[in-house]
Amino acid sequence: MRLEDALFNWLQIKLVEEGRPEDGAAKETALFFEEILKEDHGLELFAIGKVDDTMYHVTYVKEGKRKTQMYDREAAEQLLVDITANPKYNE
């Protein structure tokens, strides 16, 4: 999995985890992607940085260098929207 894809997947599930703190599966999945980012991609730190009207800025540190990857806000939030809209996941 490419770094950009792993960061996007982590961002999506992190937003679900924050939006649904009681959702144990979201927490486990977020931990899974954190492990991929650390072990497979060598990231030392990563976090959601700036959020504006159209983008999420994910900052990370790799090999001592701080970088930022930007993702479309609507795309990043879509998983949370889909889960929240599905009654099966809201019982």
PDB file of N, CA and C in Angstrom:
ATOM      1  N   MET A   1       0.844  -1.172   0.000  1.00  0.00           N
ATOM      2  CA  MET A   1       0.000   0.000   0.000  1.00  0.00           C
ATOM      3  C   MET A   1       0.894   1.241   0.000  1.00  0.00           C
ATOM      4  N   ARG A   2       0.580   2.165  -0.891  1.00  0.00           N
ATOM      5  CA  ARG A   2       1.362   3.393  -0.967  1.00  0.00           C
ATOM      6  C   ARG A   2       1.150   4.240   0.286  1.00  0.00           C
ATOM      7  N   LEU A   3       2.155   5.029   0.636  1.00  0.00           N
ATOM      8  CA  LEU A   3       2.073   5.889   1.810  1.00  0.00           C
ATOM      9  C   LEU A   3       0.849   6.805   1.744  1.00  0.00           C
ATOM     10  N   GLU A   4       0.614   7.422   0.594  1.00  0.00           N
ATOM     11  CA  GLU A   4      -0.510   8.348   0.454  1.00  0.00           C
ATOM     12  C   GLU A   4      -1.845   7.654   0.719  1.00  0.00           C
ATOM     13  N   ASP A   5      -1.969   6.408   0.253  1.00  0.00           N
ATOM     14  CA  ASP A   5      -3.200   5.641   0.477  1.00  0.00           C
ATOM     15  C   ASP A   5      -3.342   5.256   1.950  1.00  0.00           C
ATOM     16  N   ALA A   6      -2.253   4.836   2.569  1.00  0.00           N
ATOM     17  CA  ALA A   6      -2.293   4.457   3.983  1.00  0.00           C
ATOM     18  C   ALA A   6      -2.652   5.666   4.851  1.00  0.00           C
ATOM     19  N   LEU A   7      -2.100   6.830   4.527  1.00  0.00           N
ATOM     20  CA  LEU A   7      -2.437   8.040   5.278  1.00  0.00           C
ATOM     21  C   LEU A   7      -3.915   8.398   5.105  1.00  0.00           C
ATOM     22  N   PHE A   8      -4.422   8.271   3.883  1.00  0.00           N
ATOM     23  CA  PHE A   8      -5.836   8.575   3.637  1.00  0.00           C
ATOM     24  C   PHE A   8      -6.734   7.607   4.398  1.00  0.00           C
ATOM     25  N   ASN A   9      -6.418   6.325   4.366  1.00  0.00           N
ATOM     26  CA  ASN A   9      -7.212   5.337   5.097  1.00  0.00           C
ATOM     27  C   ASN A   9      -7.184   5.627   6.598  1.00  0.00           C
ATOM     28  N   TRP A  10      -6.000   5.967   7.112  1.00  0.00           N
ATOM     29  CA  TRP A  10      -5.890   6.315   8.530  1.00  0.00           C
ATOM     30  C   TRP A  10      -6.729   7.552   8.839  1.00  0.00           C
ATOM     31  N   LEU A  11      -6.649   8.577   7.981  1.00  0.00           N
ATOM     32  CA  LEU A  11      -7.417   9.802   8.188  1.00  0.00           C
ATOM     33  C   LEU A  11      -8.909   9.503   8.236  1.00  0.00           C
ATOM     34  N   GLN A  12      -9.404   8.730   7.287  1.00  0.00           N
ATOM     35  CA  GLN A  12     -10.832   8.406   7.266  1.00  0.00           C
ATOM     36  C   GLN A  12     -11.272   7.706   8.549  1.00  0.00           C
ATOM     37  N   ILE A  13     -10.529   6.695   8.965  1.00  0.00           N
ATOM     38  CA  ILE A  13     -10.958   5.935  10.144  1.00  0.00           C
ATOM     39  C   ILE A  13     -10.713   6.738  11.414  1.00  0.00           C
ATOM     40  N   LYS A  14      -9.725   7.622  11.413  1.00  0.00           N
ATOM     41  CA  LYS A  14      -9.500   8.496  12.562  1.00  0.00           C
ATOM     42  C   LYS A  14     -10.694   9.430  12.743  1.00  0.00           C
ATOM     43  N   LEU A  15     -11.228   9.946  11.648  1.00  0.00           N
ATOM     44  CA  LEU A  15     -12.416  10.798  11.723  1.00  0.00           C
ATOM     45  C   LEU A  15     -13.625  10.016  12.234  1.00  0.00           C
ATOM     46  N   VAL A  16     -13.745   8.758  11.826  1.00  0.00           N
ATOM     47  CA  VAL A  16     -14.825   7.905  12.341  1.00  0.00           C
ATOM     48  C   VAL A  16     -14.626   7.677  13.836  1.00  0.00           C
ATOM     49  N   GLU A  17     -13.405   7.362  14.227  1.00  0.00           N
ATOM     50  CA  GLU A  17     -13.106   7.118  15.646  1.00  0.00           C
ATOM     51  C   GLU A  17     -13.435   8.349  16.495  1.00  0.00           C
ATOM     52  N   GLU A  18     -13.072   9.525  16.019  1.00  0.00           N
ATOM     53  CA  GLU A  18     -13.354  10.751  16.762  1.00  0.00           C
ATOM     54  C   GLU A  18     -14.846  11.074  16.768  1.00  0.00           C
ATOM     55  N   GLY A  19     -15.522  10.772  15.681  1.00  0.00           N
ATOM     56  CA  GLY A  19     -16.951  11.049  15.587  1.00  0.00           C
ATOM     57  C   GLY A  19     -17.827  10.039  16.308  1.00  0.00           C
ATOM     58  N   ARG A  20     -17.272   8.856  16.563  1.00  0.00           N
ATOM     59  CA  ARG A  20     -18.019   7.779  17.212  1.00  0.00           C
ATOM     60  C   ARG A  20     -17.130   7.135  18.289  1.00  0.00           C
ATOM     61  N   PRO A  21     -16.885   7.847  19.397  1.00  0.00           N
ATOM     62  CA  PRO A  21     -15.941   7.357  20.404  1.00  0.00           C
ATOM     63  C   PRO A  21     -16.310   6.010  21.022  1.00  0.00           C
ATOM     64  N   GLU A  22     -17.588   5.616  20.914  1.00  0.00           N
ATOM     65  CA  GLU A  22     -18.019   4.324  21.466  1.00  0.00           C
ATOM     66  C   GLU A  22     -17.793   3.164  20.496  1.00  0.00           C
ATOM     67  N   ASP A  23     -17.330   3.463  19.301  1.00  0.00           N
ATOM     68  CA  ASP A  23     -17.162   2.465  18.240  1.00  0.00           C
ATOM     69  C   ASP A  23     -15.812   1.755  18.377  1.00  0.00           C
ATOM     70  N   GLY A  24     -15.839   0.600  19.010  1.00  0.00           N
ATOM     71  CA  GLY A  24     -14.613  -0.170  19.239  1.00  0.00           C
ATOM     72  C   GLY A  24     -13.941  -0.631  17.957  1.00  0.00           C
ATOM     73  N   ALA A  25     -14.746  -0.973  16.953  1.00  0.00           N
ATOM     74  CA  ALA A  25     -14.183  -1.425  15.675  1.00  0.00           C
ATOM     75  C   ALA A  25     -13.407  -0.293  15.004  1.00  0.00           C
ATOM     76  N   ALA A  26     -13.909   0.926  15.102  1.00  0.00           N
ATOM     77  CA  ALA A  26     -13.195   2.070  14.516  1.00  0.00           C
ATOM     78  C   ALA A  26     -11.864   2.280  15.217  1.00  0.00           C
ATOM     79  N   LYS A  27     -11.854   2.142  16.525  1.00  0.00           N
ATOM     80  CA  LYS A  27     -10.611   2.297  17.294  1.00  0.00           C
ATOM     81  C   LYS A  27      -9.591   1.240  16.888  1.00  0.00           C
ATOM     82  N   GLU A  28     -10.033  -0.011  16.781  1.00  0.00           N
ATOM     83  CA  GLU A  28      -9.137  -1.106  16.375  1.00  0.00           C
ATOM     84  C   GLU A  28      -8.598  -0.877  14.966  1.00  0.00           C
ATOM     85  N   THR A  29      -9.446  -0.415  14.069  1.00  0.00           N
ATOM     86  CA  THR A  29      -9.027  -0.177  12.689  1.00  0.00           C
ATOM     87  C   THR A  29      -8.040   0.985  12.619  1.00  0.00           C
ATOM     88  N   ALA A  30      -8.272   2.023  13.415  1.00  0.00           N
ATOM     89  CA  ALA A  30      -7.329   3.141  13.462  1.00  0.00           C
ATOM     90  C   ALA A  30      -5.954   2.661  13.943  1.00  0.00           C
ATOM     91  N   LEU A  31      -5.951   1.811  14.951  1.00  0.00           N
ATOM     92  CA  LEU A  31      -4.685   1.254  15.449  1.00  0.00           C
ATOM     93  C   LEU A  31      -3.988   0.420  14.373  1.00  0.00           C
ATOM     94  N   PHE A  32      -4.759  -0.320  13.596  1.00  0.00           N
ATOM     95  CA  PHE A  32      -4.213  -1.123  12.504  1.00  0.00           C
ATOM     96  C   PHE A  32      -3.492  -0.236  11.495  1.00  0.00           C
ATOM     97  N   PHE A  33      -4.133   0.865  11.093  1.00  0.00           N
ATOM     98  CA  PHE A  33      -3.495   1.755  10.122  1.00  0.00           C
ATOM     99  C   PHE A  33      -2.317   2.512  10.735  1.00  0.00           C
ATOM    100  N   GLU A  34      -2.375   2.814  12.021  1.00  0.00           N
ATOM    101  CA  GLU A  34      -1.226   3.435  12.690  1.00  0.00           C
ATOM    102  C   GLU A  34      -0.017   2.495  12.627  1.00  0.00           C
ATOM    103  N   GLU A  35      -0.269   1.212  12.829  1.00  0.00           N
ATOM    104  CA  GLU A  35       0.799   0.218  12.757  1.00  0.00           C
ATOM    105  C   GLU A  35       1.404   0.163  11.348  1.00  0.00           C
ATOM    106  N   ILE A  36       0.566   0.191  10.325  1.00  0.00           N
ATOM    107  CA  ILE A  36       1.051   0.193   8.938  1.00  0.00           C
ATOM    108  C   ILE A  36       1.920   1.419   8.692  1.00  0.00           C
ATOM    109  N   LEU A  37       1.459   2.585   9.149  1.00  0.00           N
ATOM    110  CA  LEU A  37       2.221   3.812   8.925  1.00  0.00           C
ATOM    111  C   LEU A  37       3.576   3.765   9.628  1.00  0.00           C
ATOM    112  N   LYS A  38       3.605   3.209  10.820  1.00  0.00           N
ATOM    113  CA  LYS A  38       4.869   3.127  11.568  1.00  0.00           C
ATOM    114  C   LYS A  38       5.785   2.040  11.008  1.00  0.00           C
ATOM    115  N   GLU A  39       5.259   0.836  10.869  1.00  0.00           N
ATOM    116  CA  GLU A  39       6.103  -0.308  10.509  1.00  0.00           C
ATOM    117  C   GLU A  39       6.418  -0.383   9.018  1.00  0.00           C
ATOM    118  N   ASP A  40       5.434  -0.194   8.164  1.00  0.00           N
ATOM    119  CA  ASP A  40       5.651  -0.342   6.723  1.00  0.00           C
ATOM    120  C   ASP A  40       6.244   0.910   6.085  1.00  0.00           C
ATOM    121  N   HIS A  41       5.918   2.080   6.646  1.00  0.00           N
ATOM    122  CA  HIS A  41       6.348   3.324   6.016  1.00  0.00           C
ATOM    123  C   HIS A  41       7.346   4.124   6.848  1.00  0.00           C
ATOM    124  N   GLY A  42       7.652   3.664   8.043  1.00  0.00           N
ATOM    125  CA  GLY A  42       8.673   4.302   8.858  1.00  0.00           C
ATOM    126  C   GLY A  42       8.316   5.682   9.376  1.00  0.00           C
ATOM    127  N   LEU A  43       7.028   5.954   9.547  1.00  0.00           N
ATOM    128  CA  LEU A  43       6.648   7.261  10.069  1.00  0.00           C
ATOM    129  C   LEU A  43       6.884   7.301  11.578  1.00  0.00           C
ATOM    130  N   GLU A  44       7.457   8.400  12.013  1.00  0.00           N
ATOM    131  CA  GLU A  44       7.737   8.582  13.439  1.00  0.00           C
ATOM    132  C   GLU A  44       6.541   9.228  14.138  1.00  0.00           C
ATOM    133  N   LEU A  45       5.938  10.196  13.477  1.00  0.00           N
ATOM    134  CA  LEU A  45       4.773  10.898  13.996  1.00  0.00           C
ATOM    135  C   LEU A  45       3.824  11.173  12.842  1.00  0.00           C
ATOM    136  N   PHE A  46       2.541  11.255  13.132  1.00  0.00           N
ATOM    137  CA  PHE A  46       1.563  11.658  12.122  1.00  0.00           C
ATOM    138  C   PHE A  46       0.325  12.139  12.857  1.00  0.00           C
ATOM    139  N   ALA A  47      -0.295  13.166  12.283  1.00  0.00           N
ATOM    140  CA  ALA A  47      -1.454  13.767  12.941  1.00  0.00           C
ATOM    141  C   ALA A  47      -2.245  14.578  11.928  1.00  0.00           C
ATOM    142  N   ILE A  48      -3.504  14.796  12.272  1.00  0.00           N
ATOM    143  CA  ILE A  48      -4.315  15.714  11.483  1.00  0.00           C
ATOM    144  C   ILE A  48      -3.876  17.116  11.883  1.00  0.00           C
ATOM    145  N   GLY A  49      -3.410  17.865  10.918  1.00  0.00           N
ATOM    146  CA  GLY A  49      -2.969  19.229  11.183  1.00  0.00           C
ATOM    147  C   GLY A  49      -4.097  20.198  10.900  1.00  0.00           C
ATOM    148  N   LYS A  50      -3.847  21.082  10.014  1.00  0.00           N
ATOM    149  CA  LYS A  50      -4.822  22.107   9.652  1.00  0.00           C
ATOM    150  C   LYS A  50      -6.002  21.494   8.900  1.00  0.00           C
ATOM    151  N   VAL A  51      -7.189  22.018   9.175  1.00  0.00           N
ATOM    152  CA  VAL A  51      -8.393  21.652   8.444  1.00  0.00           C
ATOM    153  C   VAL A  51      -9.003  22.956   7.952  1.00  0.00           C
ATOM    154  N   ASP A  52      -9.250  23.038   6.651  1.00  0.00           N
ATOM    155  CA  ASP A  52      -9.907  24.232   6.126  1.00  0.00           C
ATOM    156  C   ASP A  52     -11.191  23.835   5.411  1.00  0.00           C
ATOM    157  N   ASP A  53     -11.771  24.729   4.670  1.00  0.00           N
ATOM    158  CA  ASP A  53     -13.059  24.458   4.038  1.00  0.00           C
ATOM    159  C   ASP A  53     -13.028  23.304   3.042  1.00  0.00           C
ATOM    160  N   THR A  54     -11.870  23.048   2.447  1.00  0.00           N
ATOM    161  CA  THR A  54     -11.808  22.047   1.383  1.00  0.00           C
ATOM    162  C   THR A  54     -10.800  20.925   1.625  1.00  0.00           C
ATOM    163  N   MET A  55      -9.891  21.083   2.573  1.00  0.00           N
ATOM    164  CA  MET A  55      -8.799  20.108   2.711  1.00  0.00           C
ATOM    165  C   MET A  55      -8.500  19.758   4.168  1.00  0.00           C
ATOM    166  N   TYR A  56      -8.018  18.526   4.338  1.00  0.00           N
ATOM    167  CA  TYR A  56      -7.372  18.095   5.580  1.00  0.00           C
ATOM    168  C   TYR A  56      -5.882  18.066   5.283  1.00  0.00           C
ATOM    169  N   HIS A  57      -5.095  18.617   6.185  1.00  0.00           N
ATOM    170  CA  HIS A  57      -3.649  18.599   6.066  1.00  0.00           C
ATOM    171  C   HIS A  57      -3.138  17.590   7.096  1.00  0.00           C
ATOM    172  N   VAL A  58      -2.567  16.490   6.628  1.00  0.00           N
ATOM    173  CA  VAL A  58      -2.014  15.479   7.522  1.00  0.00           C
ATOM    174  C   VAL A  58      -0.501  15.692   7.555  1.00  0.00           C
ATOM    175  N   THR A  59       0.004  15.958   8.747  1.00  0.00           N
ATOM    176  CA  THR A  59       1.440  16.160   8.898  1.00  0.00           C
ATOM    177  C   THR A  59       2.076  14.878   9.418  1.00  0.00           C
ATOM    178  N   TYR A  60       3.298  14.633   8.977  1.00  0.00           N
ATOM    179  CA  TYR A  60       4.003  13.441   9.441  1.00  0.00           C
ATOM    180  C   TYR A  60       5.507  13.673   9.406  1.00  0.00           C
ATOM    181  N   VAL A  61       6.202  12.827  10.156  1.00  0.00           N
ATOM    182  CA  VAL A  61       7.661  12.892  10.208  1.00  0.00           C
ATOM    183  C   VAL A  61       8.199  11.548   9.751  1.00  0.00           C
ATOM    184  N   LYS A  62       9.070  11.601   8.742  1.00  0.00           N
ATOM    185  CA  LYS A  62       9.723  10.405   8.227  1.00  0.00           C
ATOM    186  C   LYS A  62      11.197  10.731   8.044  1.00  0.00           C
ATOM    187  N   GLU A  63      12.043   9.883   8.628  1.00  0.00           N
ATOM    188  CA  GLU A  63      13.487  10.075   8.562  1.00  0.00           C
ATOM    189  C   GLU A  63      13.880  11.471   9.028  1.00  0.00           C
ATOM    190  N   GLY A  64      13.203  11.931  10.074  1.00  0.00           N
ATOM    191  CA  GLY A  64      13.510  13.221  10.664  1.00  0.00           C
ATOM    192  C   GLY A  64      12.991  14.427   9.898  1.00  0.00           C
ATOM    193  N   LYS A  65      12.310  14.203   8.783  1.00  0.00           N
ATOM    194  CA  LYS A  65      11.803  15.311   7.974  1.00  0.00           C
ATOM    195  C   LYS A  65      10.293  15.428   8.126  1.00  0.00           C
ATOM    196  N   ARG A  66       9.848  16.642   8.410  1.00  0.00           N
ATOM    197  CA  ARG A  66       8.410  16.911   8.567  1.00  0.00           C
ATOM    198  C   ARG A  66       7.813  17.196   7.196  1.00  0.00           C
ATOM    199  N   LYS A  67       6.696  16.527   6.894  1.00  0.00           N
ATOM    200  CA  LYS A  67       6.027  16.694   5.612  1.00  0.00           C
ATOM    201  C   LYS A  67       4.530  16.834   5.842  1.00  0.00           C
ATOM    202  N   THR A  68       3.848  17.331   4.821  1.00  0.00           N
ATOM    203  CA  THR A  68       2.399  17.470   4.875  1.00  0.00           C
ATOM    204  C   THR A  68       1.789  16.876   3.613  1.00  0.00           C
ATOM    205  N   GLN A  69       0.736  16.114   3.801  1.00  0.00           N
ATOM    206  CA  GLN A  69      -0.028  15.545   2.692  1.00  0.00           C
ATOM    207  C   GLN A  69      -1.449  16.087   2.831  1.00  0.00           C
ATOM    208  N   MET A  70      -2.003  16.603   1.736  1.00  0.00           N
ATOM    209  CA  MET A  70      -3.352  17.170   1.788  1.00  0.00           C
ATOM    210  C   MET A  70      -4.361  16.235   1.118  1.00  0.00           C
ATOM    211  N   TYR A  71      -5.560  16.191   1.721  1.00  0.00           N
ATOM    212  CA  TYR A  71      -6.635  15.352   1.205  1.00  0.00           C
ATOM    213  C   TYR A  71      -7.928  16.150   1.136  1.00  0.00           C
ATOM    214  N   ASP A  72      -8.717  15.871   0.122  1.00  0.00           N
ATOM    215  CA  ASP A  72     -10.012  16.501  -0.049  1.00  0.00           C
ATOM    216  C   ASP A  72     -10.888  16.240   1.177  1.00  0.00           C
ATOM    217  N   ARG A  73     -11.431  17.295   1.728  1.00  0.00           N
ATOM    218  CA  ARG A  73     -12.215  17.177   2.960  1.00  0.00           C
ATOM    219  C   ARG A  73     -13.455  16.307   2.772  1.00  0.00           C
ATOM    220  N   GLU A  74     -14.181  16.526   1.695  1.00  0.00           N
ATOM    221  CA  GLU A  74     -15.404  15.756   1.458  1.00  0.00           C
ATOM    222  C   GLU A  74     -15.096  14.263   1.336  1.00  0.00           C
ATOM    223  N   ALA A  75     -14.046  13.920   0.621  1.00  0.00           N
ATOM    224  CA  ALA A  75     -13.667  12.509   0.467  1.00  0.00           C
ATOM    225  C   ALA A  75     -13.239  11.915   1.805  1.00  0.00           C
ATOM    226  N   ALA A  76     -12.496  12.672   2.588  1.00  0.00           N
ATOM    227  CA  ALA A  76     -12.017  12.176   3.879  1.00  0.00           C
ATOM    228  C   ALA A  76     -13.176  11.919   4.843  1.00  0.00           C
ATOM    229  N   GLU A  77     -14.200  12.748   4.789  1.00  0.00           N
ATOM    230  CA  GLU A  77     -15.325  12.628   5.716  1.00  0.00           C
ATOM    231  C   GLU A  77     -16.401  11.658   5.237  1.00  0.00           C
ATOM    232  N   GLN A  78     -16.277  11.151   4.018  1.00  0.00           N
ATOM    233  CA  GLN A  78     -17.344  10.326   3.432  1.00  0.00           C
ATOM    234  C   GLN A  78     -17.608   9.046   4.217  1.00  0.00           C
ATOM    235  N   LEU A  79     -16.588   8.395   4.729  1.00  0.00           N
ATOM    236  CA  LEU A  79     -16.791   7.155   5.485  1.00  0.00           C
ATOM    237  C   LEU A  79     -17.637   7.415   6.728  1.00  0.00           C
ATOM    238  N   LEU A  80     -17.342   8.477   7.445  1.00  0.00           N
ATOM    239  CA  LEU A  80     -18.141   8.820   8.624  1.00  0.00           C
ATOM    240  C   LEU A  80     -19.579   9.134   8.224  1.00  0.00           C
ATOM    241  N   VAL A  81     -19.764   9.860   7.139  1.00  0.00           N
ATOM    242  CA  VAL A  81     -21.107  10.173   6.652  1.00  0.00           C
ATOM    243  C   VAL A  81     -21.861   8.889   6.326  1.00  0.00           C
ATOM    244  N   ASP A  82     -21.203   7.977   5.626  1.00  0.00           N
ATOM    245  CA  ASP A  82     -21.849   6.713   5.239  1.00  0.00           C
ATOM    246  C   ASP A  82     -22.221   5.873   6.454  1.00  0.00           C
ATOM    247  N   ILE A  83     -21.335   5.783   7.415  1.00  0.00           N
ATOM    248  CA  ILE A  83     -21.601   4.981   8.621  1.00  0.00           C
ATOM    249  C   ILE A  83     -22.733   5.608   9.429  1.00  0.00           C
ATOM    250  N   THR A  84     -22.691   6.905   9.583  1.00  0.00           N
ATOM    251  CA  THR A  84     -23.724   7.607  10.364  1.00  0.00           C
ATOM    252  C   THR A  84     -25.089   7.482   9.693  1.00  0.00           C
ATOM    253  N   ALA A  85     -25.128   7.455   8.390  1.00  0.00           N
ATOM    254  CA  ALA A  85     -26.398   7.370   7.650  1.00  0.00           C
ATOM    255  C   ALA A  85     -26.989   5.967   7.634  1.00  0.00           C
ATOM    256  N   ASN A  86     -26.206   4.951   7.984  1.00  0.00           N
ATOM    257  CA  ASN A  86     -26.675   3.572   7.908  1.00  0.00           C
ATOM    258  C   ASN A  86     -27.235   3.145   9.269  1.00  0.00           C
ATOM    259  N   PRO A  87     -28.528   2.909   9.346  1.00  0.00           N
ATOM    260  CA  PRO A  87     -29.144   2.535  10.638  1.00  0.00           C
ATOM    261  C   PRO A  87     -28.532   1.274  11.262  1.00  0.00           C
ATOM    262  N   LYS A  88     -28.015   0.403  10.437  1.00  0.00           N
ATOM    263  CA  LYS A  88     -27.409  -0.834  10.928  1.00  0.00           C
ATOM    264  C   LYS A  88     -26.261  -0.548  11.909  1.00  0.00           C
ATOM    265  N   TYR A  89     -25.558   0.566  11.700  1.00  0.00           N
ATOM    266  CA  TYR A  89     -24.415   0.902  12.549  1.00  0.00           C
ATOM    267  C   TYR A  89     -24.761   1.872  13.666  1.00  0.00           C
ATOM    268  N   ASN A  90     -26.033   2.182  13.803  1.00  0.00           N
ATOM    269  CA  ASN A  90     -26.439   3.186  14.794  1.00  0.00           C
ATOM    270  C   ASN A  90     -27.442   2.654  15.802  1.00  0.00           C
ATOM    271  N   GLU A  91     -27.430   1.372  16.021  1.00  0.00           N
ATOM    272  CA  GLU A  91     -28.390   0.779  16.959  1.00  0.00           C
ATOM    273  C   GLU A  91     -27.866   0.827  18.363  1.00  0.00           C
TER     274      GLU A  91
END
